[in-house]
Amino acid sequence: MAWIVLVLSGICEAVWAVALDKSQGFTKIIPVIVFFCGLAASMAGLSYAMRSISVGTAYLMWVGIGAAITVSYLRGTHEQKVV
């Protein structure tokens, strides 16, 4: 169960990262709301998963999942070039 929650929280990390970009400095309300909801869900999921998974492993997977999805999304939508 902890691994499922960790993967879902990694997905939420990608959601809040993209929403932060789309908020344009916290000036657009919908992306700001999505950012805070994604951030809360991501941190809560990471915290829950770390009850059963070691901190290093959980954090590594969480960051890796979030980064991979964020880059894939931005690259797939052509919103950002990968240098």
C-alpha atoms as a PDB file:
ATOM      1  CA  MET A   1       0.000   0.000   0.000  1.00  0.00           C
ATOM      2  CA  ALA A   2       2.851   2.398   0.815  1.00  0.00           C
ATOM      3  CA  TRP A   3       4.308   1.985  -2.666  1.00  0.00           C
ATOM      4  CA  ILE A   4       0.992   2.784  -4.332  1.00  0.00           C
ATOM      5  CA  VAL A   5       0.624   5.899  -2.196  1.00  0.00           C
ATOM      6  CA  LEU A   6       4.214   6.885  -2.995  1.00  0.00           C
ATOM      7  CA  VAL A   7       3.619   6.602  -6.747  1.00  0.00           C
ATOM      8  CA  LEU A   8       0.418   8.640  -6.453  1.00  0.00           C
ATOM      9  CA  SER A   9       2.215  11.303  -4.418  1.00  0.00           C
ATOM     10  CA  GLY A  10       4.938  11.414  -7.083  1.00  0.00           C
ATOM     11  CA  ILE A  11       2.231  12.078  -9.661  1.00  0.00           C
ATOM     12  CA  CYS A  12       0.864  14.839  -7.418  1.00  0.00           C
ATOM     13  CA  GLU A  13       4.363  16.338  -7.298  1.00  0.00           C
ATOM     14  CA  ALA A  14       4.305  16.673 -11.077  1.00  0.00           C
ATOM     15  CA  VAL A  15       0.841  18.240 -10.878  1.00  0.00           C
ATOM     16  CA  TRP A  16       1.927  20.932  -8.440  1.00  0.00           C
ATOM     17  CA  ALA A  17       5.137  21.643 -10.355  1.00  0.00           C
ATOM     18  CA  VAL A  18       3.252  22.230 -13.602  1.00  0.00           C
ATOM     19  CA  ALA A  19       0.548  24.225 -11.802  1.00  0.00           C
ATOM     20  CA  LEU A  20       3.219  26.428 -10.232  1.00  0.00           C
ATOM     21  CA  ASP A  21       4.538  27.241 -13.699  1.00  0.00           C
ATOM     22  CA  LYS A  22       1.051  27.912 -15.061  1.00  0.00           C
ATOM     23  CA  SER A  23       0.157  30.187 -12.124  1.00  0.00           C
ATOM     24  CA  GLN A  24       2.532  32.828 -13.545  1.00  0.00           C
ATOM     25  CA  GLY A  25       3.809  33.969 -10.175  1.00  0.00           C
ATOM     26  CA  PHE A  26       0.595  33.181  -8.287  1.00  0.00           C
ATOM     27  CA  THR A  27      -1.443  35.555 -10.465  1.00  0.00           C
ATOM     28  CA  LYS A  28      -3.888  32.979 -11.897  1.00  0.00           C
ATOM     29  CA  ILE A  29      -6.299  31.584  -9.320  1.00  0.00           C
ATOM     30  CA  ILE A  30      -7.109  28.138 -10.776  1.00  0.00           C
ATOM     31  CA  PRO A  31      -3.471  27.043 -11.134  1.00  0.00           C
ATOM     32  CA  VAL A  32      -2.787  28.396  -7.633  1.00  0.00           C
ATOM     33  CA  ILE A  33      -5.595  26.258  -6.206  1.00  0.00           C
ATOM     34  CA  VAL A  34      -4.343  23.219  -8.137  1.00  0.00           C
ATOM     35  CA  PHE A  35      -0.814  23.955  -6.887  1.00  0.00           C
ATOM     36  CA  PHE A  36      -1.803  23.990  -3.210  1.00  0.00           C
ATOM     37  CA  CYS A  37      -4.035  20.905  -3.522  1.00  0.00           C
ATOM     38  CA  GLY A  38      -1.320  18.999  -5.375  1.00  0.00           C
ATOM     39  CA  LEU A  39       1.315  20.112  -2.878  1.00  0.00           C
ATOM     40  CA  ALA A  40      -0.777  19.017   0.104  1.00  0.00           C
ATOM     41  CA  ALA A  41      -1.624  15.651  -1.456  1.00  0.00           C
ATOM     42  CA  SER A  42       1.978  15.072  -2.503  1.00  0.00           C
ATOM     43  CA  MET A  43       3.436  15.836   0.924  1.00  0.00           C
ATOM     44  CA  ALA A  44       0.757  13.848   2.740  1.00  0.00           C
ATOM     45  CA  GLY A  45       1.371  10.838   0.496  1.00  0.00           C
ATOM     46  CA  LEU A  46       5.140  11.062   0.910  1.00  0.00           C
ATOM     47  CA  SER A  47       4.748  11.321   4.670  1.00  0.00           C
ATOM     48  CA  TYR A  48       2.453   8.294   4.769  1.00  0.00           C
ATOM     49  CA  ALA A  49       4.747   6.221   2.555  1.00  0.00           C
ATOM     50  CA  MET A  50       7.762   7.007   4.736  1.00  0.00           C
ATOM     51  CA  ARG A  51       6.137   5.123   7.598  1.00  0.00           C
ATOM     52  CA  SER A  52       6.959   1.878   5.757  1.00  0.00           C
ATOM     53  CA  ILE A  53       9.676   2.854   3.280  1.00  0.00           C
ATOM     54  CA  SER A  54      13.049   4.278   4.286  1.00  0.00           C
ATOM     55  CA  VAL A  55      13.454   8.034   3.876  1.00  0.00           C
ATOM     56  CA  GLY A  56      16.180   7.800   1.223  1.00  0.00           C
ATOM     57  CA  THR A  57      14.308   5.301  -0.919  1.00  0.00           C
ATOM     58  CA  ALA A  58      10.967   7.078  -0.597  1.00  0.00           C
ATOM     59  CA  TYR A  59      12.426  10.486  -1.412  1.00  0.00           C
ATOM     60  CA  LEU A  60      14.425   9.133  -4.352  1.00  0.00           C
ATOM     61  CA  MET A  61      11.353   7.499  -5.886  1.00  0.00           C
ATOM     62  CA  TRP A  62       9.099  10.500  -5.161  1.00  0.00           C
ATOM     63  CA  VAL A  63      11.459  12.982  -6.800  1.00  0.00           C
ATOM     64  CA  GLY A  64      12.219  10.654  -9.695  1.00  0.00           C
ATOM     65  CA  ILE A  65       8.569  10.012 -10.488  1.00  0.00           C
ATOM     66  CA  GLY A  66       7.679  13.686 -10.194  1.00  0.00           C
ATOM     67  CA  ALA A  67      10.609  14.868 -12.302  1.00  0.00           C
ATOM     68  CA  ALA A  68      10.069  12.250 -15.014  1.00  0.00           C
ATOM     69  CA  ILE A  69       6.373  13.049 -15.362  1.00  0.00           C
ATOM     70  CA  THR A  70       6.946  16.823 -15.278  1.00  0.00           C
ATOM     71  CA  VAL A  71       9.603  16.713 -17.991  1.00  0.00           C
ATOM     72  CA  SER A  72       7.571  14.259 -20.077  1.00  0.00           C
ATOM     73  CA  TYR A  73       4.468  16.438 -19.852  1.00  0.00           C
ATOM     74  CA  LEU A  74       6.256  19.674 -20.695  1.00  0.00           C
ATOM     75  CA  ARG A  75       8.222  18.023 -23.494  1.00  0.00           C
ATOM     76  CA  GLY A  76       5.100  16.335 -24.875  1.00  0.00           C
ATOM     77  CA  THR A  77       3.114  19.564 -24.922  1.00  0.00           C
ATOM     78  CA  HIS A  78       6.097  21.461 -26.391  1.00  0.00           C
ATOM     79  CA  GLU A  79       5.895  23.992 -23.564  1.00  0.00           C
ATOM     80  CA  GLN A  80       9.546  23.611 -22.671  1.00  0.00           C
ATOM     81  CA  LYS A  81      12.639  22.461 -24.511  1.00  0.00           C
ATOM     82  CA  VAL A  82      14.915  19.929 -22.879  1.00  0.00           C
ATOM     83  CA  VAL A  83      18.423  21.267 -23.208  1.00  0.00           C
END
